[in-house]
């Protein structure tokens, strides 16, 4: 089951991924500022390390920053593409976080999302 899904914005694909506050409160460990490294596995089994922090400028907002742009570049993600984030509850060593990336494409006149 998806914990959250998001259509990427320009900021998401060029700077940092703003993540839903509700998701962080319910599914990520609490911490006292700074950056928390979160290991995430994509659908092909490749591990990624995202730096989870709270953006301090303007409205405080949870973001993935460090490592996020490496994922974006590797997957060639652009605004309008979609990511889905979930937790694998059946992992042998405890829960694992997973991420899927999808590109918006046009097929036979319809816009659909295809895995990348």
N, C-alpha and C. Protein backbone atom coordinates (compact mmCIF):
# COMPACT_ATOMS: atom_id res chain seq x y z
N UNK A 1 0.84 -1.19 0.00
CA UNK A 1 0.00 0.00 0.00
C UNK A 1 0.88 1.24 0.00
N UNK A 2 0.56 2.18 -0.86
CA UNK A 2 1.33 3.42 -0.96
C UNK A 2 1.15 4.28 0.29
N UNK A 3 2.26 4.79 0.79
CA UNK A 3 2.21 5.74 1.90
C UNK A 3 1.95 7.14 1.39
N UNK A 4 2.53 7.45 0.22
CA UNK A 4 2.17 8.66 -0.49
C UNK A 4 2.64 8.56 -1.93
N UNK A 5 1.96 9.32 -2.78
CA UNK A 5 2.30 9.42 -4.19
C UNK A 5 2.28 10.90 -4.53
N UNK A 6 3.17 11.31 -5.42
CA UNK A 6 3.26 12.74 -5.71
C UNK A 6 3.67 12.97 -7.16
N UNK A 7 2.99 13.93 -7.80
CA UNK A 7 3.40 14.41 -9.11
C UNK A 7 4.49 15.44 -8.85
N UNK A 8 5.64 15.27 -9.49
CA UNK A 8 6.78 16.13 -9.21
C UNK A 8 6.60 17.53 -9.77
N UNK A 9 7.01 18.52 -8.97
CA UNK A 9 7.02 19.91 -9.39
C UNK A 9 8.42 20.27 -9.87
N UNK A 10 8.59 21.49 -10.36
CA UNK A 10 9.90 21.96 -10.77
C UNK A 10 10.89 21.90 -9.61
N UNK A 11 10.47 22.34 -8.43
CA UNK A 11 11.34 22.31 -7.25
C UNK A 11 11.68 20.88 -6.87
N UNK A 12 10.70 19.98 -6.93
CA UNK A 12 10.95 18.57 -6.60
C UNK A 12 12.00 17.95 -7.52
N UNK A 13 12.02 18.35 -8.77
CA UNK A 13 12.93 17.73 -9.73
C UNK A 13 14.24 18.49 -9.89
N UNK A 14 14.39 19.63 -9.23
CA UNK A 14 15.63 20.40 -9.40
C UNK A 14 16.33 20.75 -8.09
N UNK A 15 15.64 20.64 -6.94
CA UNK A 15 16.25 21.03 -5.67
C UNK A 15 16.06 19.98 -4.58
N UNK A 16 14.81 19.74 -4.21
CA UNK A 16 14.49 18.86 -3.09
C UNK A 16 13.05 18.37 -3.26
N UNK A 17 12.74 17.26 -2.61
CA UNK A 17 11.37 16.74 -2.66
C UNK A 17 10.66 17.12 -1.38
N UNK A 18 9.63 17.94 -1.51
CA UNK A 18 8.77 18.25 -0.37
C UNK A 18 7.88 17.04 -0.12
N UNK A 19 7.88 16.55 1.13
CA UNK A 19 7.11 15.35 1.45
C UNK A 19 5.99 15.70 2.42
N UNK A 20 4.89 14.98 2.37
CA UNK A 20 3.74 15.30 3.22
C UNK A 20 4.07 15.19 4.72
N UNK A 21 3.70 16.19 5.48
CA UNK A 21 3.93 16.19 6.93
C UNK A 21 3.25 15.02 7.60
N UNK A 22 2.06 14.67 7.15
CA UNK A 22 1.33 13.54 7.74
C UNK A 22 2.13 12.25 7.57
N UNK A 23 2.74 12.06 6.41
CA UNK A 23 3.57 10.88 6.16
C UNK A 23 4.74 10.83 7.15
N UNK A 24 5.42 11.95 7.35
CA UNK A 24 6.59 11.94 8.24
C UNK A 24 6.17 11.67 9.68
N UNK A 25 5.05 12.25 10.11
CA UNK A 25 4.59 12.03 11.50
C UNK A 25 4.22 10.57 11.73
N UNK A 26 3.62 9.93 10.74
CA UNK A 26 3.12 8.57 10.92
C UNK A 26 4.13 7.48 10.60
N UNK A 27 5.13 7.77 9.73
CA UNK A 27 5.95 6.67 9.22
C UNK A 27 7.46 6.84 9.34
N UNK A 28 7.94 8.02 9.68
CA UNK A 28 9.38 8.20 9.81
C UNK A 28 9.75 8.41 11.27
N UNK A 29 10.97 8.01 11.65
CA UNK A 29 11.40 8.20 13.03
C UNK A 29 11.49 9.68 13.39
N UNK A 30 11.18 9.98 14.64
CA UNK A 30 11.33 11.36 15.11
C UNK A 30 12.81 11.67 15.31
N UNK A 31 13.16 12.93 15.10
CA UNK A 31 14.52 13.36 15.37
C UNK A 31 14.51 14.84 15.70
N UNK A 32 15.59 15.30 16.29
CA UNK A 32 15.68 16.68 16.79
C UNK A 32 16.49 17.56 15.85
N UNK A 33 16.03 17.75 14.64
CA UNK A 33 16.71 18.63 13.70
C UNK A 33 17.88 17.98 13.01
N UNK A 34 18.58 18.75 12.19
CA UNK A 34 19.68 18.21 11.42
C UNK A 34 19.13 17.39 10.26
N UNK A 35 19.86 16.35 9.89
CA UNK A 35 19.47 15.48 8.78
C UNK A 35 19.48 14.03 9.22
N UNK A 36 18.46 13.32 8.86
CA UNK A 36 18.36 11.89 9.13
C UNK A 36 18.50 11.16 7.80
N UNK A 37 19.47 10.27 7.69
CA UNK A 37 19.65 9.51 6.46
C UNK A 37 18.68 8.35 6.41
N UNK A 38 17.92 8.28 5.34
CA UNK A 38 16.90 7.26 5.17
C UNK A 38 17.26 6.43 3.94
N UNK A 39 17.46 5.13 4.12
CA UNK A 39 17.78 4.25 3.00
C UNK A 39 16.47 3.78 2.36
N UNK A 40 16.40 3.96 1.05
CA UNK A 40 15.21 3.65 0.27
C UNK A 40 15.63 2.77 -0.90
N UNK A 41 14.81 1.79 -1.23
CA UNK A 41 15.12 0.88 -2.34
C UNK A 41 14.14 1.12 -3.48
N UNK A 42 14.66 1.24 -4.71
CA UNK A 42 13.76 1.40 -5.85
C UNK A 42 13.24 0.03 -6.29
N UNK A 43 12.36 0.03 -7.28
CA UNK A 43 11.72 -1.22 -7.70
C UNK A 43 12.69 -2.20 -8.34
N UNK A 44 13.86 -1.74 -8.74
CA UNK A 44 14.87 -2.63 -9.31
C UNK A 44 15.84 -3.15 -8.25
N UNK A 45 15.62 -2.75 -6.99
CA UNK A 45 16.46 -3.23 -5.89
C UNK A 45 17.67 -2.37 -5.60
N UNK A 46 17.82 -1.24 -6.30
CA UNK A 46 18.96 -0.35 -6.04
C UNK A 46 18.66 0.51 -4.81
N UNK A 47 19.64 0.59 -3.92
CA UNK A 47 19.48 1.39 -2.71
C UNK A 47 19.84 2.84 -2.94
N UNK A 48 19.11 3.72 -2.29
CA UNK A 48 19.35 5.16 -2.35
C UNK A 48 19.31 5.69 -0.93
N UNK A 49 20.15 6.66 -0.63
CA UNK A 49 20.16 7.29 0.69
C UNK A 49 19.68 8.72 0.55
N UNK A 50 18.51 9.01 1.13
CA UNK A 50 17.93 10.34 1.07
C UNK A 50 18.11 11.02 2.42
N UNK A 51 18.57 12.24 2.41
CA UNK A 51 18.69 13.04 3.62
C UNK A 51 17.35 13.68 3.94
N UNK A 52 16.73 13.24 5.01
CA UNK A 52 15.43 13.77 5.45
C UNK A 52 15.69 14.87 6.46
N UNK A 53 15.14 16.06 6.20
CA UNK A 53 15.30 17.18 7.13
C UNK A 53 14.04 18.04 7.07
N UNK A 54 14.00 19.01 7.96
CA UNK A 54 12.89 19.97 7.97
C UNK A 54 13.41 21.28 7.41
N UNK A 55 12.82 21.73 6.31
CA UNK A 55 13.21 23.00 5.70
C UNK A 55 12.89 24.12 6.69
N UNK A 56 13.86 24.95 6.97
CA UNK A 56 13.69 26.01 7.97
C UNK A 56 13.25 27.34 7.36
N UNK A 57 13.61 27.59 6.11
CA UNK A 57 13.25 28.86 5.48
C UNK A 57 11.77 28.87 5.11
N UNK A 58 11.11 30.00 5.35
CA UNK A 58 9.68 30.07 5.06
C UNK A 58 8.89 29.16 5.99
N UNK A 59 7.92 28.48 5.44
CA UNK A 59 7.09 27.54 6.20
C UNK A 59 7.89 26.26 6.43
N UNK A 60 8.04 25.82 7.70
CA UNK A 60 8.77 24.57 7.95
C UNK A 60 8.10 23.40 7.22
N UNK A 61 8.89 22.68 6.44
CA UNK A 61 8.34 21.60 5.62
C UNK A 61 9.33 20.46 5.58
N UNK A 62 8.88 19.21 5.77
CA UNK A 62 9.79 18.07 5.65
C UNK A 62 10.19 17.87 4.19
N UNK A 63 11.47 17.58 3.98
CA UNK A 63 11.98 17.39 2.62
C UNK A 63 13.01 16.26 2.58
N UNK A 64 13.15 15.66 1.40
CA UNK A 64 14.29 14.82 1.08
C UNK A 64 15.23 15.70 0.28
N UNK A 65 16.46 15.85 0.74
CA UNK A 65 17.37 16.74 0.06
C UNK A 65 18.63 16.00 -0.39
N UNK A 66 19.53 15.72 0.53
CA UNK A 66 20.78 15.04 0.17
C UNK A 66 20.46 13.69 -0.47
N UNK A 67 21.03 13.41 -1.62
CA UNK A 67 20.81 12.14 -2.31
C UNK A 67 19.59 12.12 -3.21
N UNK A 68 18.64 12.99 -2.96
CA UNK A 68 17.41 13.02 -3.76
C UNK A 68 17.71 13.33 -5.23
N UNK A 69 18.55 14.34 -5.49
CA UNK A 69 18.83 14.73 -6.87
C UNK A 69 19.60 13.65 -7.62
N UNK A 70 20.39 12.83 -6.92
CA UNK A 70 21.04 11.70 -7.57
C UNK A 70 19.99 10.74 -8.14
N UNK A 71 18.95 10.48 -7.36
CA UNK A 71 17.84 9.63 -7.81
C UNK A 71 17.13 10.26 -9.01
N UNK A 72 16.83 11.55 -8.91
CA UNK A 72 16.14 12.27 -10.00
C UNK A 72 16.95 12.18 -11.29
N UNK A 73 18.24 12.45 -11.21
CA UNK A 73 19.09 12.42 -12.41
C UNK A 73 19.20 11.00 -12.98
N UNK A 74 19.37 10.02 -12.10
CA UNK A 74 19.50 8.63 -12.56
C UNK A 74 18.24 8.17 -13.30
N UNK A 75 17.10 8.58 -12.82
CA UNK A 75 15.82 8.19 -13.43
C UNK A 75 15.37 9.17 -14.51
N UNK A 76 16.13 10.28 -14.71
CA UNK A 76 15.78 11.33 -15.70
C UNK A 76 14.38 11.88 -15.44
N UNK A 77 14.06 12.15 -14.18
CA UNK A 77 12.74 12.64 -13.82
C UNK A 77 12.61 14.13 -14.10
N UNK A 78 11.42 14.53 -14.49
CA UNK A 78 11.11 15.92 -14.79
C UNK A 78 9.77 16.28 -14.16
N UNK A 79 9.44 17.58 -14.10
CA UNK A 79 8.13 17.96 -13.56
C UNK A 79 7.01 17.24 -14.32
N UNK A 80 6.02 16.77 -13.58
CA UNK A 80 4.91 16.02 -14.16
C UNK A 80 5.07 14.52 -14.00
N UNK A 81 6.31 14.04 -13.77
CA UNK A 81 6.50 12.62 -13.48
C UNK A 81 5.99 12.35 -12.07
N UNK A 82 5.84 11.08 -11.73
CA UNK A 82 5.23 10.71 -10.44
C UNK A 82 6.13 9.75 -9.68
N UNK A 83 6.18 9.94 -8.37
CA UNK A 83 6.85 8.97 -7.50
C UNK A 83 5.82 8.43 -6.52
N UNK A 84 6.04 7.18 -6.12
CA UNK A 84 5.19 6.54 -5.11
C UNK A 84 6.11 5.94 -4.07
N UNK A 85 5.78 6.15 -2.83
CA UNK A 85 6.61 5.74 -1.70
C UNK A 85 5.80 4.79 -0.83
N UNK A 86 6.39 3.66 -0.45
CA UNK A 86 5.70 2.72 0.44
C UNK A 86 6.71 2.01 1.33
N UNK A 87 6.19 1.25 2.26
CA UNK A 87 7.04 0.50 3.18
C UNK A 87 6.74 -0.98 3.03
N UNK A 88 7.80 -1.76 2.85
CA UNK A 88 7.69 -3.21 2.72
C UNK A 88 7.66 -3.80 4.13
N UNK A 89 6.51 -4.28 4.54
CA UNK A 89 6.34 -4.80 5.90
C UNK A 89 6.88 -6.22 6.05
N UNK A 90 7.15 -6.90 4.94
CA UNK A 90 7.58 -8.29 5.00
C UNK A 90 9.10 -8.46 4.96
N UNK A 91 9.81 -7.38 5.09
CA UNK A 91 11.27 -7.45 5.04
C UNK A 91 11.80 -8.26 6.22
N UNK A 92 12.81 -9.07 5.98
CA UNK A 92 13.38 -9.94 7.01
C UNK A 92 14.00 -9.13 8.15
N UNK A 93 14.69 -8.06 7.81
CA UNK A 93 15.38 -7.24 8.82
C UNK A 93 14.55 -6.03 9.24
N UNK A 94 13.28 -6.15 9.29
CA UNK A 94 12.42 -5.04 9.65
C UNK A 94 11.90 -4.35 8.40
N UNK A 95 11.05 -3.34 8.55
CA UNK A 95 10.45 -2.68 7.39
C UNK A 95 11.50 -1.96 6.55
N UNK A 96 11.29 -1.98 5.24
CA UNK A 96 12.14 -1.26 4.30
C UNK A 96 11.29 -0.27 3.54
N UNK A 97 11.86 0.91 3.29
CA UNK A 97 11.17 1.91 2.49
C UNK A 97 11.47 1.66 1.02
N UNK A 98 10.44 1.82 0.18
CA UNK A 98 10.55 1.57 -1.25
C UNK A 98 10.05 2.80 -2.01
N UNK A 99 10.59 2.98 -3.23
CA UNK A 99 10.16 4.09 -4.08
C UNK A 99 10.04 3.62 -5.52
N UNK A 100 9.01 4.08 -6.20
CA UNK A 100 8.82 3.82 -7.63
C UNK A 100 8.73 5.16 -8.33
N UNK A 101 9.32 5.23 -9.51
CA UNK A 101 9.25 6.44 -10.33
C UNK A 101 8.54 6.11 -11.63
N UNK A 102 7.69 7.02 -12.07
CA UNK A 102 6.94 6.82 -13.31
C UNK A 102 6.97 8.10 -14.14
N UNK A 103 7.13 7.92 -15.44
CA UNK A 103 7.16 9.04 -16.37
C UNK A 103 5.80 9.17 -17.03
N UNK A 104 5.33 10.42 -17.15
CA UNK A 104 4.07 10.66 -17.85
C UNK A 104 4.34 10.62 -19.35
N UNK A 105 3.60 9.75 -20.04
CA UNK A 105 3.75 9.63 -21.49
C UNK A 105 2.37 9.68 -22.14
N UNK A 106 2.36 9.94 -23.44
CA UNK A 106 1.12 9.93 -24.19
C UNK A 106 1.10 8.66 -25.03
N UNK A 107 0.02 7.90 -24.91
CA UNK A 107 -0.12 6.64 -25.65
C UNK A 107 -1.51 6.61 -26.26
N UNK A 108 -1.56 6.57 -27.57
CA UNK A 108 -2.84 6.54 -28.30
C UNK A 108 -3.76 7.67 -27.86
N UNK A 109 -3.18 8.84 -27.66
CA UNK A 109 -3.96 10.03 -27.31
C UNK A 109 -4.30 10.15 -25.83
N UNK A 110 -3.85 9.20 -24.99
CA UNK A 110 -4.14 9.25 -23.56
C UNK A 110 -2.84 9.42 -22.78
N UNK A 111 -2.89 10.21 -21.73
CA UNK A 111 -1.72 10.34 -20.86
C UNK A 111 -1.74 9.23 -19.82
N UNK A 112 -0.62 8.51 -19.73
CA UNK A 112 -0.48 7.42 -18.75
C UNK A 112 0.88 7.56 -18.09
N UNK A 113 1.10 6.78 -17.06
CA UNK A 113 2.40 6.75 -16.37
C UNK A 113 3.06 5.40 -16.62
N UNK A 114 4.35 5.45 -16.99
CA UNK A 114 5.12 4.24 -17.25
C UNK A 114 6.31 4.20 -16.30
N UNK A 115 6.59 3.03 -15.77
CA UNK A 115 7.71 2.86 -14.82
C UNK A 115 9.03 3.21 -15.49
N UNK A 116 9.91 3.87 -14.71
CA UNK A 116 11.29 4.15 -15.17
C UNK A 116 12.27 3.56 -14.20
